[in-house]
Every structure is written in structure tokens, then in C-alpha cells.
Amino acid sequence: MNGTSNGAKASNTADREIVATRIFDAPRELVFDMWTDPKHIARWWGPSGFRLTIHEMNVKPGGEWRFIMHGPDGRDYQNKNVYVEIMRPQRIVFDHVSGPIFRMTATFEEQGNKTRLTVHMLFETAELREKTIMEFGAVEGLNQTLGRLGEELAKAR
């Protein structure tokens, strides 16, 4: 019975998640730095065509990351994240609190000279996940964001 309960519990979050995994030809420390250094993240965060203005980036538990994403259509998107956990260079966890609300966990796994990055977004409800996908193109946006990270890592090597 416990096995069924645990399996059901694990699958209960699948409809509330967006997950993407990429392997980058870069050392884990560098990939981690790209997520925690404002001068780096400003060059790649967000979907294609977006620019970033960072107002605050205090990378520690309880610290805030406040920024504006400037869309190619001229719209500005205010964002506020609160860091929950920083485990250098293995994991970053933050809550996106400016709406849509979700928890993002980025894990950095060393694979020789490469890094396997897994980004996990967890929403409170399946409806909020679906709304975020439909209104903001979250799945495609995440894939484009990770593509831009790959381009920045290639420049940094």
C-alpha cells in the first residue's frame, strides 16, 4: 500500500510541472555562475528577443531577484523571485512570487567536462500551469531561454 501511495503522490505533481533538461559543453561551475552573476544572466535570461533590466539580485536564501523582462513587442514584464536554497554548484531554488506563482529548481550535474542542467517549475495547481503555458508560452519560453544560455556558454569558453 505504501508503494502505491508514494507512486500516486509522485504522479500527483506531474500535471503541475514544467521540466526541461539540457546538457551543456561547459563545466558545472561556469553554468552555475551564469545563473548567479547579474552580468551573465542579463545576457541570456528570457525567451528570444527579450532583454533584461536587473534591479536587485541577492543570491542567498531569502534574497530577492527583481527584474524587468522587456519583450520584443515593447511590453515590460515585472518579475520578483525570492531565493529559497543556494547549494553551490549543485542547485538553485527560488519562488517566482510576482505571478504566475511557481517554484523553480535548477540542478547542475557534472558529467565529465559537461553539465546536465535540469530546470523544474512547480505550480500550485494544474490550472495555473496550463494558464501559464497558454498565456505566456512557458514551455517554448523555457526552451528558448535555455538555448540562449547555451549560446552564452559557447561565447564564454
C-alpha atoms as a PDB file:
ATOM      1  CA  MET A   1       0.000   0.000   0.000  1.00  0.00           C
ATOM      2  CA  ASN A   2       2.833   2.434   0.765  1.00  0.00           C
ATOM      3  CA  GLY A   3       4.343   1.829  -2.668  1.00  0.00           C
ATOM      4  CA  THR A   4       1.048   2.730  -4.324  1.00  0.00           C
ATOM      5  CA  SER A   5       0.650   5.784  -2.144  1.00  0.00           C
ATOM      6  CA  ASN A   6       4.168   7.024  -2.898  1.00  0.00           C
ATOM      7  CA  GLY A   7       3.741   6.391  -6.625  1.00  0.00           C
ATOM      8  CA  ALA A   8       0.417   8.210  -6.644  1.00  0.00           C
ATOM      9  CA  LYS A   9       1.945  11.082  -4.697  1.00  0.00           C
ATOM     10  CA  ALA A  10       4.820  11.437  -7.190  1.00  0.00           C
ATOM     11  CA  SER A  11       2.485  11.388 -10.177  1.00  0.00           C
ATOM     12  CA  ASN A  12       0.166  13.892  -8.494  1.00  0.00           C
ATOM     13  CA  THR A  13       2.638  16.676  -9.278  1.00  0.00           C
ATOM     14  CA  ALA A  14       3.185  15.786 -12.961  1.00  0.00           C
ATOM     15  CA  ASP A  15       0.197  17.852 -14.086  1.00  0.00           C
ATOM     16  CA  ARG A  16       1.586  20.854 -12.157  1.00  0.00           C
ATOM     17  CA  GLU A  17       5.131  20.732 -13.565  1.00  0.00           C
ATOM     18  CA  ILE A  18       7.166  22.018 -16.471  1.00  0.00           C
ATOM     19  CA  VAL A  19      10.559  20.300 -16.756  1.00  0.00           C
ATOM     20  CA  ALA A  20      13.419  20.802 -19.218  1.00  0.00           C
ATOM     21  CA  THR A  21      16.843  19.178 -19.316  1.00  0.00           C
ATOM     22  CA  ARG A  22      19.883  20.181 -21.349  1.00  0.00           C
ATOM     23  CA  ILE A  23      23.481  19.046 -21.470  1.00  0.00           C
ATOM     24  CA  PHE A  24      25.944  21.893 -21.961  1.00  0.00           C
ATOM     25  CA  ASP A  25      29.533  21.534 -23.108  1.00  0.00           C
ATOM     26  CA  ALA A  26      30.771  23.581 -20.161  1.00  0.00           C
ATOM     27  CA  PRO A  27      31.980  22.911 -16.624  1.00  0.00           C
ATOM     28  CA  ARG A  28      29.374  22.943 -13.865  1.00  0.00           C
ATOM     29  CA  GLU A  29      30.942  25.930 -12.050  1.00  0.00           C
ATOM     30  CA  LEU A  30      30.607  28.071 -15.191  1.00  0.00           C
ATOM     31  CA  VAL A  31      26.992  27.043 -15.803  1.00  0.00           C
ATOM     32  CA  PHE A  32      26.189  27.786 -12.158  1.00  0.00           C
ATOM     33  CA  ASP A  33      27.900  31.196 -12.422  1.00  0.00           C
ATOM     34  CA  MET A  34      25.729  32.017 -15.430  1.00  0.00           C
ATOM     35  CA  TRP A  35      22.699  31.684 -13.111  1.00  0.00           C
ATOM     36  CA  THR A  36      24.094  33.677 -10.191  1.00  0.00           C
ATOM     37  CA  ASP A  37      26.081  36.562 -11.722  1.00  0.00           C
ATOM     38  CA  PRO A  38      23.895  39.505 -12.833  1.00  0.00           C
ATOM     39  CA  LYS A  39      26.244  40.444 -15.674  1.00  0.00           C
ATOM     40  CA  HIS A  40      25.902  36.934 -17.125  1.00  0.00           C
ATOM     41  CA  ILE A  41      22.215  36.243 -16.565  1.00  0.00           C
ATOM     42  CA  ALA A  42      21.214  39.606 -18.051  1.00  0.00           C
ATOM     43  CA  ARG A  43      22.595  38.413 -21.413  1.00  0.00           C
ATOM     44  CA  TRP A  44      20.588  35.186 -21.677  1.00  0.00           C
ATOM     45  CA  TRP A  45      17.562  35.061 -19.370  1.00  0.00           C
ATOM     46  CA  GLY A  46      14.219  35.060 -21.129  1.00  0.00           C
ATOM     47  CA  PRO A  47      12.851  33.929 -24.482  1.00  0.00           C
ATOM     48  CA  SER A  48      14.364  35.003 -27.803  1.00  0.00           C
ATOM     49  CA  GLY A  49      14.093  38.738 -28.408  1.00  0.00           C
ATOM     50  CA  PHE A  50      13.693  39.657 -24.723  1.00  0.00           C
ATOM     51  CA  ARG A  51      16.038  41.954 -22.826  1.00  0.00           C
ATOM     52  CA  LEU A  52      16.516  42.177 -19.069  1.00  0.00           C
ATOM     53  CA  THR A  53      16.939  45.044 -16.630  1.00  0.00           C
ATOM     54  CA  ILE A  54      18.012  43.767 -13.215  1.00  0.00           C
ATOM     55  CA  HIS A  55      17.122  45.924 -10.205  1.00  0.00           C
ATOM     56  CA  GLU A  56      18.324  43.555  -7.485  1.00  0.00           C
ATOM     57  CA  MET A  57      19.974  40.153  -7.393  1.00  0.00           C
ATOM     58  CA  ASN A  58      20.828  38.972  -3.895  1.00  0.00           C
ATOM     59  CA  VAL A  59      21.695  35.295  -4.397  1.00  0.00           C
ATOM     60  CA  LYS A  60      21.212  33.839  -0.913  1.00  0.00           C
ATOM     61  CA  PRO A  61      18.293  32.190   0.882  1.00  0.00           C
ATOM     62  CA  GLY A  62      15.693  34.903   1.459  1.00  0.00           C
ATOM     63  CA  GLY A  63      17.399  37.203  -1.054  1.00  0.00           C
ATOM     64  CA  GLU A  64      15.439  38.788  -3.873  1.00  0.00           C
ATOM     65  CA  TRP A  65      15.967  38.864  -7.609  1.00  0.00           C
ATOM     66  CA  ARG A  66      13.897  41.680  -9.096  1.00  0.00           C
ATOM     67  CA  PHE A  67      13.999  42.436 -12.812  1.00  0.00           C
ATOM     68  CA  ILE A  68      12.027  43.601 -15.812  1.00  0.00           C
ATOM     69  CA  MET A  69      11.814  41.489 -18.935  1.00  0.00           C
ATOM     70  CA  HIS A  70      11.427  43.772 -21.957  1.00  0.00           C
ATOM     71  CA  GLY A  71       9.511  41.971 -24.683  1.00  0.00           C
ATOM     72  CA  PRO A  72      10.232  42.426 -28.380  1.00  0.00           C
ATOM     73  CA  ASP A  73       6.711  43.899 -28.697  1.00  0.00           C
ATOM     74  CA  GLY A  74       7.603  46.701 -26.258  1.00  0.00           C
ATOM     75  CA  ARG A  75       5.760  45.214 -23.277  1.00  0.00           C
ATOM     76  CA  ASP A  76       7.507  45.106 -19.923  1.00  0.00           C
ATOM     77  CA  TYR A  77       7.083  42.206 -17.511  1.00  0.00           C
ATOM     78  CA  GLN A  78       7.916  42.883 -13.853  1.00  0.00           C
ATOM     79  CA  ASN A  79       9.394  39.849 -12.099  1.00  0.00           C
ATOM     80  CA  LYS A  80      10.258  39.113  -8.497  1.00  0.00           C
ATOM     81  CA  ASN A  81      11.881  35.918  -7.261  1.00  0.00           C
ATOM     82  CA  VAL A  82      12.827  35.004  -3.706  1.00  0.00           C
ATOM     83  CA  TYR A  83      15.686  32.548  -3.299  1.00  0.00           C
ATOM     84  CA  VAL A  84      14.874  29.521  -1.138  1.00  0.00           C
ATOM     85  CA  GLU A  85      18.069  27.479  -1.459  1.00  0.00           C
ATOM     86  CA  ILE A  86      21.525  28.006  -2.944  1.00  0.00           C
ATOM     87  CA  MET A  87      23.802  24.954  -2.951  1.00  0.00           C
ATOM     88  CA  ARG A  88      26.846  25.910  -4.965  1.00  0.00           C
ATOM     89  CA  PRO A  89      27.326  24.432  -7.575  1.00  0.00           C
ATOM     90  CA  GLN A  90      24.576  21.777  -7.355  1.00  0.00           C
ATOM     91  CA  ARG A  91      21.228  23.541  -7.001  1.00  0.00           C
ATOM     92  CA  ILE A  92      19.317  26.816  -7.024  1.00  0.00           C
ATOM     93  CA  VAL A  93      15.736  27.037  -5.787  1.00  0.00           C
ATOM     94  CA  PHE A  94      13.608  30.168  -5.935  1.00  0.00           C
ATOM     95  CA  ASP A  95       9.962  31.143  -5.754  1.00  0.00           C
ATOM     96  CA  HIS A  96       8.596  33.312  -8.552  1.00  0.00           C
ATOM     97  CA  VAL A  97       6.249  35.459  -6.473  1.00  0.00           C
ATOM     98  CA  SER A  98       5.152  38.159  -8.919  1.00  0.00           C
ATOM     99  CA  GLY A  99       2.699  35.937 -10.774  1.00  0.00           C
ATOM    100  CA  PRO A 100       2.283  33.475 -12.145  1.00  0.00           C
ATOM    101  CA  ILE A 101       3.441  31.908  -8.890  1.00  0.00           C
ATOM    102  CA  PHE A 102       5.677  28.842  -9.101  1.00  0.00           C
ATOM    103  CA  ARG A 103       8.822  27.331  -7.587  1.00  0.00           C
ATOM    104  CA  MET A 104      11.796  26.881  -9.885  1.00  0.00           C
ATOM    105  CA  THR A 105      14.530  24.379  -9.089  1.00  0.00           C
ATOM    106  CA  ALA A 106      17.652  24.252 -11.242  1.00  0.00           C
ATOM    107  CA  THR A 107      20.005  21.320 -10.680  1.00  0.00           C
ATOM    108  CA  PHE A 108      23.516  21.193 -12.091  1.00  0.00           C
ATOM    109  CA  GLU A 109      25.037  17.723 -12.520  1.00  0.00           C
ATOM    110  CA  GLU A 110      28.654  17.234 -13.516  1.00  0.00           C
ATOM    111  CA  GLN A 111      29.152  14.858 -16.439  1.00  0.00           C
ATOM    112  CA  GLY A 112      32.869  14.925 -17.117  1.00  0.00           C
ATOM    113  CA  ASN A 113      33.600  18.344 -18.633  1.00  0.00           C
ATOM    114  CA  LYS A 114      29.908  18.831 -19.393  1.00  0.00           C
ATOM    115  CA  THR A 115      26.951  19.861 -17.253  1.00  0.00           C
ATOM    116  CA  ARG A 116      23.487  18.376 -17.195  1.00  0.00           C
ATOM    117  CA  LEU A 117      21.045  21.126 -16.226  1.00  0.00           C
ATOM    118  CA  THR A 118      17.503  20.251 -15.203  1.00  0.00           C
ATOM    119  CA  VAL A 119      15.006  23.067 -14.694  1.00  0.00           C
ATOM    120  CA  HIS A 120      11.845  22.172 -12.829  1.00  0.00           C
ATOM    121  CA  MET A 121       8.922  24.587 -12.447  1.00  0.00           C
ATOM    122  CA  LEU A 122       6.244  23.518  -9.964  1.00  0.00           C
ATOM    123  CA  PHE A 123       2.881  25.288  -9.856  1.00  0.00           C
ATOM    124  CA  GLU A 124       0.283  25.103  -7.074  1.00  0.00           C
ATOM    125  CA  THR A 125      -2.401  23.809  -9.437  1.00  0.00           C
ATOM    126  CA  ALA A 126      -2.633  22.154 -12.837  1.00  0.00           C
ATOM    127  CA  GLU A 127      -4.892  25.015 -13.923  1.00  0.00           C
ATOM    128  CA  LEU A 128      -2.213  27.609 -13.136  1.00  0.00           C
ATOM    129  CA  ARG A 129       0.357  25.559 -15.055  1.00  0.00           C
ATOM    130  CA  GLU A 130      -1.941  25.354 -18.086  1.00  0.00           C
ATOM    131  CA  LYS A 131      -2.773  29.063 -17.900  1.00  0.00           C
ATOM    132  CA  THR A 132       0.957  29.910 -17.752  1.00  0.00           C
ATOM    133  CA  ILE A 133       1.635  27.723 -20.781  1.00  0.00           C
ATOM    134  CA  MET A 134      -1.239  29.234 -22.773  1.00  0.00           C
ATOM    135  CA  GLU A 135      -0.842  32.917 -21.786  1.00  0.00           C
ATOM    136  CA  PHE A 136       2.935  33.165 -21.558  1.00  0.00           C
ATOM    137  CA  GLY A 137       4.158  30.320 -23.783  1.00  0.00           C
ATOM    138  CA  ALA A 138       6.083  28.973 -20.792  1.00  0.00           C
ATOM    139  CA  VAL A 139       7.296  25.721 -22.357  1.00  0.00           C
ATOM    140  CA  GLU A 140       8.609  27.351 -25.529  1.00  0.00           C
ATOM    141  CA  GLY A 141       9.908  30.290 -23.494  1.00  0.00           C
ATOM    142  CA  LEU A 142      11.872  27.980 -21.208  1.00  0.00           C
ATOM    143  CA  ASN A 143      13.331  26.131 -24.192  1.00  0.00           C
ATOM    144  CA  GLN A 144      14.354  29.413 -25.848  1.00  0.00           C
ATOM    145  CA  THR A 145      15.856  30.650 -22.566  1.00  0.00           C
ATOM    146  CA  LEU A 146      17.987  27.513 -22.248  1.00  0.00           C
ATOM    147  CA  GLY A 147      19.007  27.887 -25.885  1.00  0.00           C
ATOM    148  CA  ARG A 148      20.202  31.406 -25.142  1.00  0.00           C
ATOM    149  CA  LEU A 149      22.132  30.077 -22.133  1.00  0.00           C
ATOM    150  CA  GLY A 150      23.857  27.605 -24.460  1.00  0.00           C
ATOM    151  CA  GLU A 151      24.849  30.457 -26.777  1.00  0.00           C
ATOM    152  CA  GLU A 152      26.319  32.455 -23.881  1.00  0.00           C
ATOM    153  CA  LEU A 153      28.227  29.423 -22.612  1.00  0.00           C
ATOM    154  CA  ALA A 154      29.714  28.926 -26.083  1.00  0.00           C
ATOM    155  CA  LYS A 155      30.929  32.562 -26.063  1.00  0.00           C
ATOM    156  CA  ALA A 156      32.379  32.190 -22.567  1.00  0.00           C
ATOM    157  CA  ARG A 157      34.576  29.204 -23.385  1.00  0.00           C
END
